[in-house]
Protein backbone atom coordinates (compact mmCIF):
# COMPACT_ATOMS: atom_id res chain seq x y z
CA MET A 1 49.43 28.18 7.29
CA SER A 2 46.89 26.34 5.14
CA GLU A 3 45.65 22.85 5.99
CA ALA A 4 47.09 19.91 4.06
CA TYR A 5 43.64 18.35 3.78
CA PHE A 6 40.28 20.10 3.65
CA PRO A 7 37.58 17.71 4.93
CA VAL A 8 35.03 16.67 2.31
CA GLU A 9 31.45 16.18 3.45
CA SER A 10 30.33 12.57 3.73
CA GLY A 11 27.57 11.34 1.45
CA ALA A 12 27.00 8.06 3.30
CA LEU A 13 23.67 9.16 4.76
CA GLY A 14 22.37 9.67 1.22
CA PRO A 15 21.94 7.17 -1.62
CA GLU A 16 25.66 7.01 -2.48
CA GLU A 17 28.98 7.56 -0.73
CA ASN A 18 31.25 10.47 -1.61
CA PHE A 19 34.55 8.91 -2.58
CA LEU A 20 36.34 12.20 -2.09
CA SER A 21 35.51 11.84 1.61
CA LEU A 22 38.02 9.95 3.75
CA ASP A 23 35.22 8.98 6.14
CA ASP A 24 33.25 7.39 3.30
CA ILE A 25 36.31 5.56 1.97
CA LEU A 26 36.92 4.05 5.41
CA MET A 27 33.23 3.24 5.85
CA SER A 28 33.03 1.45 2.49
CA GLN A 29 35.81 -0.90 3.63
CA GLU A 30 33.72 -2.31 6.49
CA LYS A 31 32.79 -5.96 5.99
CA LEU A 32 29.28 -7.17 5.18
CA PRO A 33 28.17 -10.84 5.48
CA VAL A 34 26.83 -12.15 2.16
CA ARG A 35 25.71 -15.45 0.61
CA VAL A 36 26.60 -16.36 -2.97
CA GLU A 37 23.40 -17.11 -4.94
CA THR A 38 25.00 -17.72 -8.36
CA PRO A 39 28.26 -19.66 -8.96
CA MET A 40 31.07 -17.22 -9.74
CA PRO A 41 33.61 -18.61 -12.27
CA ARG A 42 37.32 -18.52 -11.44
CA LEU A 43 36.88 -16.83 -8.06
CA GLY A 44 37.37 -19.89 -5.86
CA ALA A 45 41.11 -19.26 -5.54
CA PHE A 46 40.46 -15.79 -4.12
CA PHE A 47 37.87 -16.64 -1.49
CA LEU A 48 38.15 -20.33 -0.62
CA GLU A 49 40.72 -21.76 1.76
CA ARG A 50 43.47 -24.00 0.43
CA GLY A 51 42.39 -27.59 0.18
CA ALA A 52 38.77 -26.56 -0.40
CA GLY A 53 38.94 -26.51 -4.18
CA SER A 54 40.99 -23.36 -4.56
CA GLU A 55 42.47 -24.17 -7.98
CA PRO A 56 42.80 -21.12 -10.26
CA ASP A 57 39.79 -22.08 -12.42
CA HIS A 58 37.58 -23.29 -9.59
CA PRO A 59 34.28 -21.36 -9.29
CA LEU A 60 32.93 -19.88 -6.11
CA PRO A 61 29.98 -22.23 -5.46
CA GLN A 62 26.41 -21.24 -4.74
CA GLY A 63 25.63 -21.07 -1.03
CA THR A 64 29.13 -19.92 -0.02
CA LYS A 65 29.06 -17.45 2.88
CA LEU A 66 31.60 -14.64 2.83
CA GLU A 67 32.37 -11.27 4.31
CA LEU A 68 32.91 -8.66 1.60
CA PRO A 69 33.71 -4.96 1.92
CA LEU A 70 30.63 -2.81 1.43
CA TRP A 71 31.85 -1.31 -1.85
CA LEU A 72 32.31 -4.76 -3.42
CA ALA A 73 28.99 -6.11 -2.12
CA LYS A 74 27.19 -3.10 -3.62
CA GLY A 75 29.00 -3.58 -6.93
CA LEU A 76 28.02 -7.26 -7.17
CA PHE A 77 24.46 -6.88 -5.94
CA ASP A 78 21.86 -7.03 -8.69
CA HIS A 79 18.09 -7.14 -8.11
CA LYS A 80 17.41 -9.10 -11.31
CA ARG A 81 20.35 -11.51 -11.56
CA ARG A 82 20.53 -12.17 -7.81
CA ILE A 83 24.28 -12.78 -7.71
CA LEU A 84 24.42 -12.56 -3.93
CA SER A 85 22.18 -11.90 -0.97
CA VAL A 86 23.10 -9.84 2.07
CA GLU A 87 22.75 -10.88 5.69
CA LEU A 88 22.13 -8.07 8.13
CA PRO A 89 24.96 -7.42 10.60
CA LYS A 90 23.89 -8.14 14.18
CA MET A 91 23.67 -4.51 15.28
CA TYR A 92 20.96 -3.85 12.67
CA GLN A 93 18.89 -6.95 13.42
CA GLU A 94 15.66 -6.96 15.43
CA GLY A 95 17.32 -7.83 18.75
CA TRP A 96 19.55 -4.77 18.74
CA ARG A 97 16.81 -2.57 17.29
CA THR A 98 14.78 -3.40 20.40
CA VAL A 99 17.71 -2.30 22.60
CA PHE A 100 18.02 0.98 20.72
CA SER A 101 14.28 1.55 21.04
CA ALA A 102 14.43 1.02 24.82
CA ASP A 103 17.36 3.40 25.50
CA ALA A 104 19.77 4.28 22.72
CA ASN A 105 21.97 6.34 25.04
CA VAL A 106 23.36 3.30 26.88
CA VAL A 107 24.90 1.79 23.73
CA ASP A 108 28.55 2.24 22.79
CA LEU A 109 27.99 2.91 19.08
CA HIS A 110 31.65 3.29 18.21
CA LYS A 111 32.37 -0.19 19.54
CA MET A 112 29.55 -1.63 17.44
CA GLY A 113 30.65 0.21 14.32
CA PRO A 114 32.48 3.52 13.93
CA HIS A 115 30.22 4.43 11.00
CA PHE A 116 26.96 3.12 12.44
CA TYR A 117 24.59 5.56 10.73
CA GLY A 118 26.41 5.74 7.39
CA PHE A 119 26.86 1.97 7.11
CA GLY A 120 23.25 1.37 8.16
CA SER A 121 22.00 3.86 5.57
CA GLN A 122 23.94 2.07 2.84
CA LEU A 123 22.28 -1.23 3.82
CA LEU A 124 19.06 0.21 2.43
CA HIS A 125 20.64 -0.24 -1.02
CA PHE A 126 19.88 -3.97 -0.67
CA ASP A 127 16.36 -5.39 -0.92
CA SER A 128 15.94 -6.55 2.67
CA PRO A 129 12.32 -6.88 3.88
CA GLU A 130 13.53 -5.15 7.07
CA ASN A 131 14.65 -1.96 5.30
CA ALA A 132 11.75 0.11 6.64
CA ASP A 133 12.44 -1.06 10.21
CA ILE A 134 16.17 -0.36 9.82
CA SER A 135 15.61 3.18 8.56
CA GLN A 136 13.17 3.93 11.40
CA SER A 137 15.59 2.50 13.95
CA LEU A 138 18.46 4.63 12.63
CA LEU A 139 16.34 7.77 12.73
CA LYS A 140 14.96 7.14 16.24
CA THR A 141 18.40 6.19 17.55
CA PHE A 142 19.88 9.43 16.21
CA ILE A 143 17.04 11.54 17.62
CA GLY A 144 17.26 9.76 20.97
CA ARG A 145 21.00 10.46 21.31
CA PHE A 146 21.16 13.90 19.67
CA ARG A 147 20.03 16.00 22.62
CA ARG A 148 22.43 14.38 25.07
CA ILE A 149 25.34 14.80 22.66
CA MET A 150 24.66 18.48 22.05
CA ASP A 151 23.94 19.17 25.73
CA SER A 152 27.26 17.55 26.64
CA SER A 153 29.13 19.55 24.01
CA GLN A 154 27.69 22.80 25.38
CA ASN A 155 28.30 22.01 29.06
CA SER A 156 31.85 20.66 29.03
CA TYR A 157 33.95 23.78 28.52
CA ASN A 158 37.61 22.97 29.27
CA GLU A 159 36.64 19.51 30.55
CA ASP A 160 37.92 16.07 29.61
CA THR A 161 35.32 14.59 27.22
CA SER A 162 37.35 11.61 26.00
CA ALA A 163 35.15 9.04 27.80
CA LEU A 164 31.99 10.43 26.23
CA VAL A 165 33.42 10.87 22.73
CA ALA A 166 34.80 7.32 22.76
CA ARG A 167 31.21 5.97 22.72
CA LEU A 168 30.08 8.03 19.72
CA ASP A 169 30.06 6.98 16.10
CA GLU A 170 31.84 9.22 13.57
CA THR A 171 28.71 11.20 12.64
CA GLU A 172 28.01 11.91 16.30
CA ARG A 173 31.64 12.89 16.90
CA GLY A 174 31.33 15.45 14.14
CA LEU A 175 28.24 16.91 15.81
CA PHE A 176 29.96 17.00 19.18
CA GLN A 177 32.99 18.79 17.74
CA THR A 178 30.72 21.31 16.02
CA GLY A 179 29.00 22.01 19.34
CA GLN A 180 32.35 22.40 21.10
CA ARG A 181 33.63 24.84 18.46
CA SER A 182 30.44 26.90 18.77
CA LEU A 183 30.84 27.00 22.55
CA ASN A 184 34.51 28.00 22.32
CA ASP A 185 33.71 30.71 19.77
CA PHE A 186 30.97 32.11 22.02
CA GLN A 187 33.23 32.07 25.07
CA SER A 188 35.92 33.92 23.09
CA TRP A 189 33.41 36.52 21.91
CA GLU A 190 32.03 36.95 25.43
CA LYS A 191 35.53 37.64 26.73
CA GLY A 192 36.16 40.16 23.97
CA GLN A 193 38.67 37.90 22.22
CA ALA A 194 36.70 37.74 18.99
CA SER A 195 35.77 40.68 16.79
CA GLN A 196 32.38 39.37 15.65
CA ILE A 197 30.00 36.45 15.65
CA THR A 198 29.56 34.84 12.24
CA ALA A 199 26.78 32.59 11.01
CA SER A 200 27.49 28.88 11.16
CA SER A 201 28.11 26.93 7.98
CA LEU A 202 24.80 25.09 8.52
CA VAL A 203 22.87 28.38 8.41
CA GLN A 204 24.82 29.62 5.40
CA ASN A 205 24.20 26.40 3.47
CA TYR A 206 20.49 26.53 4.35
CA LYS A 207 20.22 30.09 3.01
CA LYS A 208 21.97 29.08 -0.22
CA ARG A 209 19.53 26.19 -0.76
CA LYS A 210 16.58 28.46 0.05
CA PHE A 211 17.65 31.10 -2.49
CA THR A 212 18.25 28.40 -5.11
CA ASN A 213 14.74 26.99 -4.60
CA MET A 214 13.23 30.47 -4.89
CA GLU A 215 15.05 31.06 -8.16
CA ASP A 216 13.77 27.74 -9.53
């Protein structure tokens, strides 16, 4: 029986999301704090509370602070016109970056944001002076947690891993599940329940890219 939905690879860790990916669609709905830098005509009724000048033709005044979904904030952001400015969410600010630097493994990333790495990568779209620090923090956090995640996935055969997985962001959960599948496949092969070992999709994709580069 074929699957009703074939997962599409996320593009959130790159420059743009993949809107054929359910993970990216959900990630792009996460709210981002912004400040209006240019009055926006006829938008007051949509964003301002009643009694605060929310007539249909009332503009959204300069200085208004809002929370917009990521996709809308990216669409309105313009380096030249400066329609709005973005405020960093707390988990990407210096205080939390210090915590991640000290010991990233103690943090419940899923509680802080289920798409921590993807959302953080998309923040680099905005011209924050802290972009370099954010990107380094994301990379070091991932590296610091990667070994423990993969070790756990390879040493928890037929064990309850719900407590561990609950603390992982969606990218990390995908890695953990990949490690678990590899372990299960190896155990099946070792018991003679599998006819052959096949190369993982990561290896196959790497070979395809390598051959393409050689042809170029």
